[in-house]
Amino acid sequence: MAEIESLVERLEMAVVRLETVSSKLHESALPGGDIVNGVNEDLSPCLEDYDALLSVAVAEYLKNSKAIGEDVEEHAEMVNAAFQAQRGFVKLASTHQQPPEADLATLLRPISVKIQEIQNFREKNRGSKMFNHLSAVSESIPALGWIAVAPKPGPYVKEMNDAATFYTNRVLKDYKDNDNRHVDWVRSYLQLWTELQAYIKEHHTTGLVWSKSGPFASEVSLVAPPAHGPCPLPPPPPPIFEADTPKNNSSTMHSALFAELNQGEAITRGLRHVLDGQKTHKNPELRSQGGVARQSPTKSHTPSPTSPKAPPQSHSPVLELEGKKWRVEYQDHANSLVISETELKHVVYAFKCSNSTLQIKGKINSIIVDNCKKLGLVFDNVVGIVEVINSRDVQIQVMGKVPTISVNKTEGCHIYLSEESLDCEIVSAKTSEVNILVPQDGDYKEFPVPEQYKTVWDGSKLVTEPTEMAG
């Protein structure tokens, strides 16, 4: 039965692709189109397959998003706009030669802006009922940056797709038994990235392929409309590809790095000689002055990450009850945070807190720790779940009972269980240095959560178990 359903689905996809090609042939009379007099003169095979991706995978995702509506539908329209912007970039690459690195960064801006808008939409709607849907999209949408990744854009897309599964699993958990619309949405969204990986493997295995002939690509060639079209769009903000994040590597940074490494011994020619009077180990008085100011007119490295990130750190600390949610945000070096007026329906959400301690008294519904660093959390009782996401060096102490603790994408988490909470389920994914401390004989005994696993085929299924390292 499963084979029949798979065959039917493949036939449907083939029909949609044929209909897409047919519709394009009927657009031959349109000026500036990709088809002239029924002959496809401009569309390369890679662009035709990209159009097939839009008409099948993206269209299916849009249909399922519209079925859910609300924030999910609006978010999906933004995703579609980003794919359409990338379609224009792929078309440009198929007819133009690769431009210099400086011009390439400018050409990437429209897609960068689209990605940033999609991620900002999630941040502005943290109270949405569809927050897990929005988060799944926000975490994986940087996959569209594959056009600036070499030599392995396909694995990069897969990595971004994997980042979405944490939230899509949440969606399935919440809706798989009562609303199939959300199940279909998850399936179509993950399939979208799978199809993109297949497309990249087919046409751009080691990076975006540019034309070997034609003019060099420029911003004018990307945004200039036909003579009868509307006015050009205003220049967008700087691209997020230039941000110092591990997920959004810019092509410029990659190329510059490899160019320097390929110099071999010649790489040292660009180094500036430091005089003895400028060396702090020979002049202790320089240390109290913060070192020597570096003056190198030839230095062309990217500015320090601290300089562009300094202005945004202007958030005021928050500790307030908003409806059923306690918001604990942007707390820094606050060691006496206490929430005592609690009810069973309350949820505590700690966001971007650092070097602080939070104590929660009474019995509440759930706790979420998101993007926190060096946070100490002490609570009495939770009837739902305690979640730690995207955090570092977090310590959790359970005074009463909690059924489940989930730790995801976190480095360093110590969980102190009480005698009452020894039956707690602890779920971890993409974590490191997670330790469970269990009370024994008036003290705590520490047990590390495995980080390395071994998977073998037993003849019928895959069997995965933690590896026991010798020594």
Protein backbone atom coordinates (compact mmCIF):
# COMPACT_ATOMS: atom_id res chain seq x y z
CA MET A 1 0.00 0.00 0.00
CA ALA A 2 2.84 2.37 0.87
CA GLU A 3 4.48 1.69 -2.51
CA ILE A 4 1.24 2.58 -4.33
CA GLU A 5 0.91 5.85 -2.40
CA SER A 6 4.53 6.71 -3.19
CA LEU A 7 3.95 6.00 -6.89
CA VAL A 8 0.82 8.15 -6.95
CA GLU A 9 2.69 11.01 -5.29
CA ARG A 10 5.50 10.81 -7.86
CA LEU A 11 2.97 10.84 -10.70
CA GLU A 12 1.26 13.89 -9.25
CA MET A 13 4.59 15.72 -9.03
CA ALA A 14 5.35 14.81 -12.66
CA VAL A 15 1.96 16.15 -13.77
CA VAL A 16 2.55 19.43 -11.92
CA ARG A 17 5.92 19.84 -13.61
CA LEU A 18 4.41 19.21 -17.04
CA GLU A 19 1.70 21.76 -16.33
CA THR A 20 4.36 24.27 -15.31
CA VAL A 21 6.28 23.81 -18.56
CA SER A 22 3.05 24.05 -20.54
CA SER A 23 2.05 27.30 -18.85
CA LYS A 24 5.45 28.80 -19.60
CA LEU A 25 5.12 27.94 -23.29
CA HIS A 26 1.89 29.97 -23.44
CA GLU A 27 3.69 33.02 -22.05
CA SER A 28 5.82 33.39 -25.19
CA ALA A 29 4.00 36.59 -26.18
CA LEU A 30 5.07 38.38 -22.98
CA PRO A 31 7.98 40.83 -23.49
CA GLY A 32 11.01 40.20 -21.32
CA GLY A 33 9.91 36.65 -20.53
CA ASP A 34 12.06 33.56 -20.41
CA ILE A 35 10.46 32.06 -23.53
CA VAL A 36 10.37 33.69 -26.95
CA ASN A 37 8.15 32.34 -29.75
CA GLY A 38 7.77 29.06 -27.91
CA VAL A 39 11.54 28.52 -27.73
CA ASN A 40 13.23 28.50 -24.34
CA GLU A 41 16.18 30.80 -25.05
CA ASP A 42 17.05 32.02 -21.54
CA LEU A 43 16.13 29.22 -19.15
CA SER A 44 19.03 26.93 -18.36
CA PRO A 45 18.35 23.39 -17.08
CA CYS A 46 19.25 24.47 -13.54
CA LEU A 47 16.67 27.28 -13.67
CA GLU A 48 14.01 24.98 -15.09
CA ASP A 49 14.54 22.58 -12.19
CA TYR A 50 14.44 25.47 -9.74
CA ASP A 51 11.08 26.49 -11.19
CA ALA A 52 9.93 22.90 -10.69
CA LEU A 53 10.99 23.17 -7.06
CA LEU A 54 8.89 26.32 -6.68
CA SER A 55 5.85 24.84 -8.41
CA VAL A 56 5.87 21.59 -6.44
CA ALA A 57 7.64 21.68 -3.07
CA VAL A 58 7.17 25.38 -2.30
CA ALA A 59 3.59 25.33 -3.58
CA GLU A 60 2.74 22.34 -1.36
CA TYR A 61 4.22 24.09 1.67
CA LEU A 62 2.23 27.25 0.87
CA LYS A 63 -0.98 25.24 0.50
CA ASN A 64 -0.54 23.55 3.88
CA SER A 65 0.40 26.85 5.52
CA LYS A 66 -2.73 28.49 4.14
CA ALA A 67 -4.81 25.63 5.56
CA ILE A 68 -3.54 26.53 9.03
CA GLY A 69 -3.73 30.28 8.46
CA GLU A 70 -2.81 33.06 10.89
CA ASP A 71 0.90 33.59 11.56
CA VAL A 72 1.88 30.38 9.74
CA GLU A 73 0.34 31.57 6.48
CA GLU A 74 1.91 35.02 6.73
CA HIS A 75 5.29 33.48 7.53
CA ALA A 76 4.99 31.14 4.54
CA GLU A 77 4.38 34.06 2.18
CA MET A 78 7.64 35.59 3.40
CA VAL A 79 9.43 32.28 2.75
CA ASN A 80 7.97 32.18 -0.76
CA ALA A 81 9.23 35.72 -1.39
CA ALA A 82 12.71 34.63 -0.29
CA PHE A 83 12.66 31.68 -2.70
CA GLN A 84 11.50 33.98 -5.50
CA ALA A 85 14.37 36.35 -4.74
CA GLN A 86 16.79 33.44 -4.89
CA ARG A 87 15.27 32.36 -8.20
CA GLY A 88 16.31 35.72 -9.62
CA PHE A 89 19.84 35.20 -8.31
CA VAL A 90 20.09 31.71 -9.83
CA LYS A 91 18.88 33.09 -13.16
CA LEU A 92 21.50 35.84 -12.97
CA ALA A 93 24.24 33.25 -12.36
CA SER A 94 23.07 31.21 -15.35
CA THR A 95 23.55 34.13 -17.75
CA HIS A 96 26.39 36.13 -16.18
CA GLN A 97 29.94 35.52 -15.07
CA GLN A 98 30.80 35.61 -11.38
CA PRO A 99 31.53 39.20 -10.27
CA PRO A 100 34.32 40.39 -7.95
CA GLU A 101 33.83 39.59 -4.27
CA ALA A 102 32.82 43.15 -3.35
CA ASP A 103 30.04 43.17 -5.96
CA LEU A 104 28.94 39.67 -4.95
CA ALA A 105 28.20 40.82 -1.41
CA THR A 106 25.96 43.54 -2.83
CA LEU A 107 24.09 41.04 -5.01
CA LEU A 108 23.39 38.86 -1.97
CA ARG A 109 21.65 41.66 -0.09
CA PRO A 110 18.06 41.08 -1.30
CA ILE A 111 18.11 37.44 -0.14
CA SER A 112 19.83 38.42 3.09
CA VAL A 113 17.11 40.92 3.84
CA LYS A 114 14.39 38.34 3.18
CA ILE A 115 16.02 35.89 5.57
CA GLN A 116 16.35 38.54 8.25
CA GLU A 117 12.69 39.53 7.89
CA ILE A 118 11.64 35.89 8.35
CA GLN A 119 13.71 35.55 11.50
CA ASN A 120 12.51 38.88 12.90
CA PHE A 121 8.91 37.78 12.40
CA ARG A 122 9.49 34.93 14.86
CA GLU A 123 11.09 37.27 17.39
CA LYS A 124 8.16 39.70 17.17
CA ASN A 125 5.61 36.92 17.69
CA ARG A 126 7.00 34.99 20.65
CA GLY A 127 3.53 34.91 22.17
CA SER A 128 1.99 33.27 19.11
CA LYS A 129 0.12 29.98 19.44
CA MET A 130 2.12 28.85 16.42
CA PHE A 131 5.50 29.73 17.93
CA ASN A 132 6.91 26.25 17.24
CA HIS A 133 5.95 26.57 13.56
CA LEU A 134 7.58 29.99 13.35
CA SER A 135 10.69 28.73 15.14
CA ALA A 136 11.08 25.76 12.80
CA VAL A 137 11.13 28.14 9.84
CA SER A 138 13.32 30.73 11.53
CA GLU A 139 15.97 28.19 12.54
CA SER A 140 16.23 26.64 9.07
CA ILE A 141 15.68 29.54 6.67
CA PRO A 142 19.43 30.40 6.62
CA ALA A 143 19.66 27.35 4.33
CA LEU A 144 18.94 29.80 1.51
CA GLY A 145 22.47 31.04 2.09
CA TRP A 146 23.77 27.99 0.23
CA ILE A 147 24.47 30.22 -2.77
CA ALA A 148 27.36 31.73 -0.76
CA VAL A 149 28.70 28.40 0.53
CA ALA A 150 31.45 26.35 -1.08
CA PRO A 151 32.50 23.63 -1.56
CA LYS A 152 29.61 21.77 0.13
CA PRO A 153 26.35 23.73 -0.11
CA GLY A 154 24.22 20.55 0.02
CA PRO A 155 25.39 19.44 3.50
CA TYR A 156 24.96 23.04 4.66
CA VAL A 157 21.27 22.92 3.71
CA LYS A 158 20.91 19.58 5.51
CA GLU A 159 22.43 21.09 8.64
CA MET A 160 19.89 23.91 8.57
CA ASN A 161 17.09 21.40 7.96
CA ASP A 162 18.20 19.40 10.99
CA ALA A 163 17.97 22.57 13.07
CA ALA A 164 14.25 22.72 12.30
CA THR A 165 13.47 19.19 13.46
CA PHE A 166 13.55 20.11 17.15
CA TYR A 167 10.58 22.41 16.62
CA THR A 168 8.80 20.28 14.02
CA ASN A 169 8.90 17.39 16.49
CA ARG A 170 7.13 19.66 18.95
CA VAL A 171 4.47 20.43 16.37
CA LEU A 172 3.94 16.72 15.70
CA LYS A 173 3.73 16.01 19.41
CA ASP A 174 1.05 18.67 19.89
CA TYR A 175 -1.09 17.92 16.82
CA LYS A 176 -0.47 14.43 15.46
CA ASP A 177 -3.53 12.99 17.23
CA ASN A 178 -5.99 15.83 16.72
CA ASP A 179 -5.18 17.95 13.63
CA ASN A 180 -3.63 16.47 10.50
CA ARG A 181 -3.20 19.91 8.94
CA HIS A 182 -0.15 20.47 11.10
CA VAL A 183 1.23 17.01 10.32
CA ASP A 184 0.94 17.77 6.60
CA TRP A 185 2.59 21.13 7.21
CA VAL A 186 5.61 19.51 8.88
CA ARG A 187 5.93 16.93 6.11
CA SER A 188 5.78 19.53 3.33
CA TYR A 189 8.17 21.94 5.05
CA LEU A 190 10.88 19.33 5.66
CA GLN A 191 10.34 17.98 2.14
CA LEU A 192 11.00 21.48 0.80
CA TRP A 193 14.58 21.42 2.09
CA THR A 194 15.05 17.81 0.99
CA GLU A 195 14.09 18.82 -2.55
CA LEU A 196 16.46 21.79 -2.40
CA GLN A 197 19.29 19.46 -1.38
CA ALA A 198 18.52 17.23 -4.36
CA TYR A 199 18.48 20.27 -6.65
CA ILE A 200 21.87 21.45 -5.36
CA LYS A 201 23.35 17.99 -5.72
CA GLU A 202 22.20 17.90 -9.34
CA HIS A 203 23.32 21.36 -10.48
CA HIS A 204 25.55 23.04 -7.86
CA THR A 205 27.38 20.22 -6.06
CA THR A 206 30.46 22.24 -5.08
CA GLY A 207 28.89 25.69 -5.06
CA LEU A 208 26.75 27.97 -7.20
CA VAL A 209 27.67 27.53 -10.88
CA TRP A 210 28.14 30.76 -12.81
CA SER A 211 28.09 31.17 -16.57
CA LYS A 212 31.43 30.99 -18.35
CA SER A 213 30.35 33.64 -20.85
CA GLY A 214 28.34 36.83 -20.91
CA PRO A 215 28.88 40.02 -18.90
CA PHE A 216 29.92 40.08 -15.27
CA ALA A 217 27.00 40.17 -12.86
CA SER A 218 26.19 43.50 -11.22
CA GLU A 219 23.50 45.01 -9.06
CA VAL A 220 21.99 46.67 -12.13
CA SER A 221 21.70 43.35 -13.97
CA LEU A 222 19.94 41.82 -10.95
CA VAL A 223 17.33 44.48 -10.17
CA ALA A 224 16.91 46.38 -13.44
CA PRO A 225 13.37 45.69 -14.76
CA PRO A 226 12.26 45.77 -18.44
CA ALA A 227 11.63 49.17 -19.99
CA HIS A 228 7.89 48.83 -19.38
CA GLY A 229 8.29 47.65 -15.78
CA PRO A 230 8.11 49.52 -12.47
CA CYS A 231 10.90 51.59 -10.96
CA PRO A 232 13.82 49.80 -9.30
CA LEU A 233 13.57 48.95 -5.62
CA PRO A 234 15.52 51.09 -3.13
CA PRO A 235 18.78 49.60 -1.84
CA PRO A 236 18.13 47.13 0.98
CA PRO A 237 19.96 47.05 4.34
CA PRO A 238 23.33 45.29 4.69
CA PRO A 239 23.25 41.49 4.27
CA ILE A 240 23.13 39.13 7.19
CA PHE A 241 25.68 36.99 5.35
CA GLU A 242 28.28 39.40 6.72
CA ALA A 243 27.22 38.76 10.30
CA ASP A 244 29.59 36.88 12.54
CA THR A 245 27.45 33.77 12.99
CA PRO A 246 28.41 30.17 12.27
CA LYS A 247 25.27 29.57 10.22
CA ASN A 248 25.60 32.44 7.75
CA ASN A 249 29.05 32.16 6.17
CA SER A 250 29.64 34.77 3.50
CA SER A 251 31.22 33.90 0.21
CA THR A 252 33.52 36.89 0.59
CA MET A 253 34.92 35.66 3.88
CA HIS A 254 35.41 32.13 2.51
CA SER A 255 37.24 33.29 -0.59
CA ALA A 256 39.43 35.77 1.27
CA LEU A 257 40.43 33.14 3.79
CA PHE A 258 41.34 30.52 1.19
CA ALA A 259 43.20 33.11 -0.87
CA GLU A 260 45.38 33.96 2.12
CA LEU A 261 46.03 30.34 3.00
CA ASN A 262 47.04 29.52 -0.57
CA GLN A 263 49.84 32.07 -0.43
CA GLY A 264 52.05 29.58 1.39
CA GLU A 265 55.16 31.17 2.81
CA ALA A 266 54.23 34.46 1.18
CA ILE A 267 51.48 34.90 3.74
CA THR A 268 53.99 36.44 6.18
CA ARG A 269 54.77 39.34 3.83
CA GLY A 270 51.71 41.21 5.04
CA LEU A 271 52.77 41.09 8.70
CA ARG A 272 53.95 44.31 10.33
CA HIS A 273 57.16 44.32 12.33
CA VAL A 274 56.59 45.16 16.00
CA LEU A 275 59.27 47.30 17.60
CA ASP A 276 60.63 46.48 21.05
CA GLY A 277 59.05 49.61 22.44
CA GLN A 278 55.62 48.33 21.46
CA LYS A 279 55.92 44.90 23.09
CA THR A 280 53.98 44.61 26.34
CA HIS A 281 56.20 41.87 27.75
CA LYS A 282 59.17 44.24 27.53
CA ASN A 283 57.21 47.33 28.63
CA PRO A 284 54.94 46.50 31.60
CA GLU A 285 53.63 50.06 31.70
CA LEU A 286 51.82 49.43 28.39
CA ARG A 287 49.61 46.81 30.03
CA SER A 288 47.94 49.36 32.27
CA GLN A 289 47.27 51.49 29.20
CA GLY A 290 45.35 48.72 27.47
CA GLY A 291 48.13 47.87 25.03
CA VAL A 292 49.38 49.67 21.97
CA ALA A 293 46.94 51.07 19.47
CA ARG A 294 47.31 49.19 16.23
CA GLN A 295 47.92 51.42 13.25
CA SER A 296 48.08 49.46 10.06
CA PRO A 297 46.83 51.21 6.93
CA THR A 298 47.00 47.93 5.02
CA LYS A 299 44.82 45.98 7.42
CA SER A 300 41.62 44.84 5.69
CA HIS A 301 40.20 42.32 8.14
CA THR A 302 36.58 42.31 9.20
CA PRO A 303 35.93 44.60 12.21
CA SER A 304 35.92 43.04 15.63
CA PRO A 305 32.61 41.36 16.42
CA THR A 306 32.29 43.41 19.58
CA SER A 307 32.02 46.74 17.76
CA PRO A 308 28.87 46.08 15.70
CA LYS A 309 27.21 44.12 18.49
CA ALA A 310 27.68 46.76 21.18
CA PRO A 311 24.76 49.10 20.24
CA PRO A 312 21.95 46.48 20.42
CA GLN A 313 22.74 45.72 24.10
CA SER A 314 20.32 48.36 25.33
CA HIS A 315 17.47 46.17 26.53
CA SER A 316 16.06 46.89 29.96
CA PRO A 317 15.79 43.93 32.34
CA VAL A 318 12.27 42.51 32.63
CA LEU A 319 10.60 40.58 35.46
CA GLU A 320 6.84 40.75 35.10
CA LEU A 321 3.68 38.68 34.79
CA GLU A 322 2.06 39.03 31.38
CA GLY A 323 -1.20 37.11 31.31
CA LYS A 324 -0.21 33.56 32.29
CA LYS A 325 3.47 34.05 31.46
CA TRP A 326 6.20 35.28 33.77
CA ARG A 327 8.74 37.10 31.58
CA VAL A 328 12.30 37.10 32.90
CA GLU A 329 14.42 38.78 30.24
CA TYR A 330 17.82 40.47 29.88
CA GLN A 331 18.76 40.03 33.53
CA ASP A 332 22.50 40.43 34.13
CA HIS A 333 24.32 39.78 37.43
CA ALA A 334 20.99 39.57 39.25
CA ASN A 335 21.43 36.99 42.01
CA SER A 336 18.21 37.53 43.95
CA LEU A 337 15.47 37.02 41.37
CA VAL A 338 12.46 35.40 43.06
CA ILE A 339 9.01 34.57 41.69
CA SER A 340 6.76 33.71 44.62
CA GLU A 341 3.24 34.65 43.49
CA THR A 342 2.67 31.63 41.28
CA GLU A 343 -0.31 29.61 40.09
CA LEU A 344 -0.64 26.21 38.43
CA LYS A 345 -1.42 27.79 35.05
CA HIS A 346 1.66 30.02 35.04
CA VAL A 347 4.57 29.60 32.61
CA VAL A 348 8.02 31.09 33.26
CA TYR A 349 10.04 32.20 30.23
CA ALA A 350 13.68 33.20 30.88
CA PHE A 351 15.33 34.84 27.87
CA LYS A 352 18.90 36.13 27.48
CA CYS A 353 19.73 36.19 31.16
CA SER A 354 23.36 35.93 32.24
CA ASN A 355 25.28 35.53 35.49
CA SER A 356 22.00 35.45 37.43
CA THR A 357 20.02 33.23 39.79
CA LEU A 358 16.27 32.70 39.52
CA GLN A 359 14.16 31.03 42.20
CA ILE A 360 10.57 29.97 41.51
CA LYS A 361 8.34 29.05 44.44
CA GLY A 362 5.15 27.01 44.37
CA LYS A 363 3.76 24.80 41.61
CA ILE A 364 3.61 26.05 38.01
CA ASN A 365 2.91 24.66 34.56
CA SER A 366 6.28 24.87 32.78
CA ILE A 367 9.62 26.68 32.51
CA ILE A 368 11.57 27.68 29.38
CA VAL A 369 15.20 28.83 29.51
CA ASP A 370 16.21 30.33 26.16
CA ASN A 371 19.56 31.89 25.16
CA CYS A 372 20.80 32.19 28.72
CA LYS A 373 24.38 32.02 29.98
CA LYS A 374 25.55 31.14 33.48
CA LEU A 375 22.03 31.03 34.86
CA GLY A 376 21.13 29.27 38.09
CA LEU A 377 17.51 28.04 38.24
CA VAL A 378 15.89 26.73 41.42
CA PHE A 379 12.22 25.70 41.47
CA ASP A 380 9.80 23.77 43.65
CA ASN A 381 7.35 21.89 41.41
CA VAL A 382 6.53 21.83 37.68
CA VAL A 383 3.63 19.78 36.32
CA GLY A 384 4.66 20.03 32.66
CA ILE A 385 8.18 20.37 31.29
CA VAL A 386 11.36 22.34 31.92
CA GLU A 387 13.13 23.23 28.66
CA VAL A 388 16.64 24.58 28.16
CA ILE A 389 17.39 25.85 24.64
CA ASN A 390 20.44 27.54 23.07
CA SER A 391 22.08 28.18 26.42
CA ARG A 392 25.44 27.77 28.13
CA ASP A 393 26.59 26.91 31.64
CA VAL A 394 23.15 26.48 33.18
CA GLN A 395 22.53 24.94 36.59
CA ILE A 396 19.10 23.60 37.52
CA GLN A 397 18.03 22.45 40.97
CA VAL A 398 14.73 20.62 41.50
CA MET A 399 13.39 20.98 45.03
CA GLY A 400 10.16 19.03 44.45
CA LYS A 401 8.88 17.15 41.39
CA VAL A 402 9.09 17.58 37.62
CA PRO A 403 8.09 14.94 35.03
CA THR A 404 10.37 16.00 32.14
CA ILE A 405 13.45 18.10 31.57
CA SER A 406 14.49 18.81 27.97
CA VAL A 407 17.95 20.15 27.07
CA ASN A 408 18.61 21.15 23.45
CA LYS A 409 21.49 22.91 21.68
CA THR A 410 23.13 23.69 25.01
CA GLU A 411 26.75 23.57 26.19
CA GLY A 412 27.11 22.87 29.88
CA CYS A 413 24.07 21.99 31.99
CA HIS A 414 24.08 20.60 35.54
CA ILE A 415 20.78 19.21 36.79
CA TYR A 416 20.38 18.57 40.54
CA LEU A 417 17.50 16.21 41.20
CA SER A 418 15.63 15.83 44.47
CA GLU A 419 14.54 12.55 46.07
CA GLU A 420 11.02 13.17 44.74
CA SER A 421 12.15 13.79 41.16
CA LEU A 422 14.33 10.72 40.58
CA ASP A 423 11.73 9.38 38.10
CA CYS A 424 12.14 12.50 35.92
CA GLU A 425 12.72 11.92 32.19
CA ILE A 426 15.66 13.89 30.79
CA VAL A 427 15.70 14.37 27.01
CA SER A 428 18.76 15.89 25.32
CA ALA A 429 19.72 16.71 21.73
CA LYS A 430 22.72 18.53 20.25
CA THR A 431 24.18 19.11 23.70
CA SER A 432 27.52 18.76 25.46
CA GLU A 433 28.66 18.64 29.07
CA VAL A 434 25.28 17.71 30.49
CA ASN A 435 25.51 16.16 33.95
CA ILE A 436 22.82 14.76 36.23
CA LEU A 437 23.46 14.97 39.96
CA VAL A 438 21.53 12.46 42.07
CA PRO A 439 21.23 12.67 45.88
CA GLN A 440 22.99 9.79 47.64
CA ASP A 441 23.90 9.51 51.34
CA GLY A 442 23.36 13.17 52.07
CA ASP A 443 25.43 14.32 49.07
CA TYR A 444 25.15 14.42 45.27
CA LYS A 445 26.69 11.90 42.89
CA GLU A 446 27.36 13.14 39.37
CA PHE A 447 26.46 11.15 36.23
CA PRO A 448 27.38 12.51 32.76
CA VAL A 449 24.89 12.24 29.91
CA PRO A 450 26.51 10.39 26.96
CA GLU A 451 27.63 12.50 24.01
CA GLN A 452 28.92 9.75 21.72
CA TYR A 453 26.86 6.88 20.32
CA LYS A 454 27.36 3.73 18.32
CA THR A 455 24.82 2.61 15.73
CA VAL A 456 24.77 -0.88 14.20
CA TRP A 457 22.45 -2.80 11.88
CA ASP A 458 21.09 -5.92 13.61
CA GLY A 459 19.56 -7.41 10.47
CA SER A 460 16.17 -5.74 10.74
CA LYS A 461 16.68 -2.30 12.24
CA LEU A 462 19.28 0.19 13.45
CA VAL A 463 20.33 -0.18 17.08
CA THR A 464 21.91 2.84 18.78
CA GLU A 465 23.58 2.80 22.17
CA PRO A 466 26.07 5.03 24.03
CA THR A 467 29.73 4.21 23.58
CA GLU A 468 31.81 3.50 26.66
CA MET A 469 35.19 5.14 26.25
CA ALA A 470 38.13 3.35 27.74
CA GLY A 471 40.05 5.11 30.51
